[in-house]
Amino acid sequence: MPVVFRYKGYRFFFFSNEGNPLEPLHIHVRRGESVAKFWVFPQVCLAESYGMFSSELRELIRVVEENKDIIERFWNEYFNM
């Protein structure tokens, strides 16, 4: 489970096996038992979440948007895209 970065106790990561075929670019976020998944392209949007407040999700969308380049680069390097 490669971790791309951390922010305020949240871990931004993806799973080593993201499906067969590989799912489109996205990022998972976890803090404690709360989790969320965000699609990164064509625009950042929430795919699903469990145990997070809407205020958290709004902040996390902003963080994903600000780090799209890092997420995409890490994804492409890891999956040899």
N, C-alpha and C. Protein backbone atom coordinates (compact mmCIF):
# COMPACT_ATOMS: atom_id res chain seq x y z
N MET A 1 0.85 -1.16 0.00
CA MET A 1 0.00 0.00 0.00
C MET A 1 0.91 1.24 0.00
N PRO A 2 1.33 1.70 -1.18
CA PRO A 2 2.23 2.86 -1.25
C PRO A 2 1.57 4.15 -0.76
N VAL A 3 2.24 4.80 0.18
CA VAL A 3 1.77 6.09 0.70
C VAL A 3 2.38 7.19 -0.15
N VAL A 4 1.55 8.07 -0.69
CA VAL A 4 2.02 9.17 -1.52
C VAL A 4 2.45 10.34 -0.65
N PHE A 5 1.62 10.71 0.33
CA PHE A 5 1.98 11.75 1.29
C PHE A 5 1.02 11.70 2.47
N ARG A 6 1.36 12.48 3.50
CA ARG A 6 0.53 12.60 4.70
C ARG A 6 0.20 14.08 4.91
N TYR A 7 -0.98 14.30 5.50
CA TYR A 7 -1.44 15.66 5.75
C TYR A 7 -2.36 15.64 6.96
N LYS A 8 -1.99 16.37 8.01
CA LYS A 8 -2.81 16.50 9.22
C LYS A 8 -3.35 15.16 9.73
N GLY A 9 -2.53 14.15 9.74
CA GLY A 9 -2.95 12.84 10.23
C GLY A 9 -3.64 11.98 9.20
N TYR A 10 -3.89 12.50 8.01
CA TYR A 10 -4.49 11.72 6.92
C TYR A 10 -3.37 11.09 6.11
N ARG A 11 -3.57 9.86 5.70
CA ARG A 11 -2.62 9.17 4.84
C ARG A 11 -3.23 9.06 3.45
N PHE A 12 -2.54 9.55 2.44
CA PHE A 12 -2.97 9.51 1.05
C PHE A 12 -2.21 8.39 0.37
N PHE A 13 -2.93 7.41 -0.16
CA PHE A 13 -2.27 6.21 -0.66
C PHE A 13 -3.09 5.56 -1.76
N PHE A 14 -2.52 4.54 -2.37
CA PHE A 14 -3.29 3.66 -3.26
C PHE A 14 -2.85 2.24 -2.98
N PHE A 15 -3.65 1.29 -3.41
CA PHE A 15 -3.35 -0.11 -3.21
C PHE A 15 -2.44 -0.60 -4.33
N SER A 16 -1.56 -1.52 -4.01
CA SER A 16 -0.64 -2.06 -5.01
C SER A 16 -1.38 -2.75 -6.14
N ASN A 17 -2.52 -3.37 -5.82
CA ASN A 17 -3.32 -4.04 -6.84
C ASN A 17 -4.62 -3.25 -6.97
N GLU A 18 -4.65 -2.32 -7.90
CA GLU A 18 -5.81 -1.44 -8.06
C GLU A 18 -6.80 -1.97 -9.09
N GLY A 19 -6.91 -3.27 -9.18
CA GLY A 19 -7.89 -3.85 -10.09
C GLY A 19 -7.27 -4.36 -11.37
N ASN A 20 -7.97 -5.26 -11.99
CA ASN A 20 -7.54 -5.81 -13.27
C ASN A 20 -8.73 -5.79 -14.21
N PRO A 21 -8.82 -4.86 -15.14
CA PRO A 21 -7.77 -3.91 -15.48
C PRO A 21 -7.63 -2.81 -14.43
N LEU A 22 -6.51 -2.11 -14.51
CA LEU A 22 -6.21 -1.04 -13.58
C LEU A 22 -7.29 0.03 -13.61
N GLU A 23 -7.78 0.42 -12.44
CA GLU A 23 -8.78 1.49 -12.36
C GLU A 23 -8.15 2.82 -12.77
N PRO A 24 -8.97 3.79 -13.19
CA PRO A 24 -8.43 5.12 -13.50
C PRO A 24 -7.77 5.74 -12.26
N LEU A 25 -6.95 6.73 -12.51
CA LEU A 25 -6.19 7.40 -11.47
C LEU A 25 -7.10 7.89 -10.33
N HIS A 26 -6.78 7.47 -9.12
CA HIS A 26 -7.52 7.88 -7.93
C HIS A 26 -6.60 7.77 -6.73
N ILE A 27 -7.07 8.28 -5.61
CA ILE A 27 -6.29 8.24 -4.36
C ILE A 27 -7.23 7.89 -3.22
N HIS A 28 -6.73 7.06 -2.32
CA HIS A 28 -7.47 6.72 -1.09
C HIS A 28 -6.92 7.58 0.04
N VAL A 29 -7.77 7.91 0.99
CA VAL A 29 -7.37 8.70 2.15
C VAL A 29 -7.91 8.02 3.40
N ARG A 30 -7.06 7.90 4.41
CA ARG A 30 -7.48 7.26 5.66
C ARG A 30 -6.95 8.05 6.84
N ARG A 31 -7.79 8.15 7.85
CA ARG A 31 -7.39 8.63 9.17
C ARG A 31 -8.19 7.82 10.16
N GLY A 32 -7.50 7.03 10.95
CA GLY A 32 -8.19 6.13 11.87
C GLY A 32 -9.04 5.15 11.09
N GLU A 33 -10.30 5.06 11.45
CA GLU A 33 -11.22 4.16 10.77
C GLU A 33 -11.96 4.83 9.61
N SER A 34 -11.76 6.12 9.44
CA SER A 34 -12.44 6.88 8.38
C SER A 34 -11.65 6.78 7.09
N VAL A 35 -12.37 6.54 5.98
CA VAL A 35 -11.71 6.39 4.68
C VAL A 35 -12.51 7.11 3.60
N ALA A 36 -11.79 7.47 2.54
CA ALA A 36 -12.44 8.08 1.37
C ALA A 36 -11.62 7.72 0.14
N LYS A 37 -12.27 7.79 -1.01
CA LYS A 37 -11.62 7.55 -2.29
C LYS A 37 -12.01 8.70 -3.21
N PHE A 38 -11.00 9.28 -3.86
CA PHE A 38 -11.22 10.40 -4.76
C PHE A 38 -10.70 10.06 -6.15
N TRP A 39 -11.52 10.31 -7.16
CA TRP A 39 -11.04 10.26 -8.55
C TRP A 39 -10.23 11.52 -8.74
N VAL A 40 -9.14 11.44 -9.49
CA VAL A 40 -8.25 12.58 -9.67
C VAL A 40 -8.48 13.28 -11.01
N PHE A 41 -8.76 12.52 -12.06
CA PHE A 41 -8.99 13.08 -13.39
C PHE A 41 -10.29 12.56 -13.95
N PRO A 42 -10.97 13.32 -14.76
CA PRO A 42 -10.57 14.61 -15.32
C PRO A 42 -10.66 15.76 -14.32
N GLN A 43 -11.47 15.60 -13.28
CA GLN A 43 -11.47 16.58 -12.19
C GLN A 43 -11.58 15.82 -10.89
N VAL A 44 -11.09 16.42 -9.82
CA VAL A 44 -11.12 15.77 -8.52
C VAL A 44 -12.57 15.70 -8.05
N CYS A 45 -12.99 14.49 -7.68
CA CYS A 45 -14.33 14.32 -7.13
C CYS A 45 -14.34 13.10 -6.20
N LEU A 46 -15.25 13.13 -5.28
CA LEU A 46 -15.39 12.06 -4.31
C LEU A 46 -16.01 10.84 -4.95
N ALA A 47 -15.38 9.68 -4.79
CA ALA A 47 -15.93 8.42 -5.28
C ALA A 47 -16.77 7.77 -4.17
N GLU A 48 -16.23 7.75 -2.95
CA GLU A 48 -16.94 7.15 -1.82
C GLU A 48 -16.25 7.57 -0.54
N SER A 49 -16.98 7.50 0.57
CA SER A 49 -16.39 7.80 1.87
C SER A 49 -17.18 7.12 2.97
N TYR A 50 -16.49 6.85 4.05
CA TYR A 50 -17.09 6.22 5.23
C TYR A 50 -16.51 6.86 6.48
N GLY A 51 -17.38 7.41 7.30
CA GLY A 51 -16.97 7.95 8.59
C GLY A 51 -16.34 9.32 8.55
N MET A 52 -16.49 10.05 7.45
CA MET A 52 -15.94 11.41 7.37
C MET A 52 -17.06 12.43 7.27
N PHE A 53 -16.80 13.58 7.87
CA PHE A 53 -17.75 14.69 7.81
C PHE A 53 -17.60 15.43 6.49
N SER A 54 -18.65 16.11 6.07
CA SER A 54 -18.59 16.86 4.81
C SER A 54 -17.51 17.95 4.86
N SER A 55 -17.28 18.54 6.02
CA SER A 55 -16.22 19.55 6.14
C SER A 55 -14.84 18.94 5.89
N GLU A 56 -14.62 17.72 6.38
CA GLU A 56 -13.36 17.01 6.12
C GLU A 56 -13.20 16.74 4.64
N LEU A 57 -14.28 16.26 4.03
CA LEU A 57 -14.22 15.91 2.61
C LEU A 57 -13.94 17.12 1.74
N ARG A 58 -14.52 18.27 2.08
CA ARG A 58 -14.23 19.49 1.32
C ARG A 58 -12.75 19.86 1.42
N GLU A 59 -12.19 19.75 2.62
CA GLU A 59 -10.77 20.04 2.81
C GLU A 59 -9.92 19.05 2.04
N LEU A 60 -10.28 17.77 2.08
CA LEU A 60 -9.50 16.75 1.38
C LEU A 60 -9.57 16.91 -0.13
N ILE A 61 -10.71 17.32 -0.65
CA ILE A 61 -10.80 17.61 -2.09
C ILE A 61 -9.81 18.71 -2.45
N ARG A 62 -9.74 19.74 -1.64
CA ARG A 62 -8.80 20.83 -1.89
C ARG A 62 -7.36 20.32 -1.86
N VAL A 63 -7.03 19.47 -0.89
CA VAL A 63 -5.67 18.92 -0.77
C VAL A 63 -5.34 18.06 -1.99
N VAL A 64 -6.27 17.24 -2.43
CA VAL A 64 -6.04 16.41 -3.62
C VAL A 64 -5.83 17.31 -4.83
N GLU A 65 -6.65 18.33 -4.99
CA GLU A 65 -6.49 19.25 -6.12
C GLU A 65 -5.12 19.92 -6.11
N GLU A 66 -4.67 20.33 -4.93
CA GLU A 66 -3.37 21.00 -4.81
C GLU A 66 -2.20 20.04 -5.08
N ASN A 67 -2.44 18.75 -4.95
CA ASN A 67 -1.37 17.76 -5.10
C ASN A 67 -1.57 16.81 -6.28
N LYS A 68 -2.41 17.22 -7.24
CA LYS A 68 -2.70 16.36 -8.40
C LYS A 68 -1.43 15.93 -9.13
N ASP A 69 -0.50 16.84 -9.30
CA ASP A 69 0.72 16.52 -10.03
C ASP A 69 1.55 15.45 -9.31
N ILE A 70 1.66 15.59 -8.00
CA ILE A 70 2.42 14.61 -7.20
C ILE A 70 1.73 13.25 -7.26
N ILE A 71 0.43 13.23 -7.10
CA ILE A 71 -0.34 11.98 -7.13
C ILE A 71 -0.18 11.31 -8.49
N GLU A 72 -0.35 12.07 -9.56
CA GLU A 72 -0.24 11.51 -10.90
C GLU A 72 1.17 10.97 -11.17
N ARG A 73 2.18 11.73 -10.80
CA ARG A 73 3.57 11.28 -11.01
C ARG A 73 3.85 9.99 -10.25
N PHE A 74 3.45 9.94 -8.98
CA PHE A 74 3.69 8.75 -8.16
C PHE A 74 2.95 7.55 -8.74
N TRP A 75 1.70 7.74 -9.15
CA TRP A 75 0.89 6.68 -9.76
C TRP A 75 1.58 6.13 -11.01
N ASN A 76 1.97 7.05 -11.91
CA ASN A 76 2.60 6.63 -13.17
C ASN A 76 3.92 5.92 -12.94
N GLU A 77 4.72 6.40 -12.00
CA GLU A 77 5.99 5.73 -11.69
C GLU A 77 5.75 4.34 -11.10
N TYR A 78 4.79 4.24 -10.21
CA TYR A 78 4.54 2.95 -9.54
C TYR A 78 3.99 1.92 -10.52
N PHE A 79 3.05 2.33 -11.35
CA PHE A 79 2.42 1.39 -12.28
C PHE A 79 3.07 1.39 -13.66
N ASN A 80 4.24 2.04 -13.78
CA ASN A 80 4.99 2.08 -15.05
C ASN A 80 4.13 2.56 -16.21
N MET A 81 3.44 3.64 -16.02
CA MET A 81 2.57 4.19 -17.07
C MET A 81 3.37 5.12 -17.97
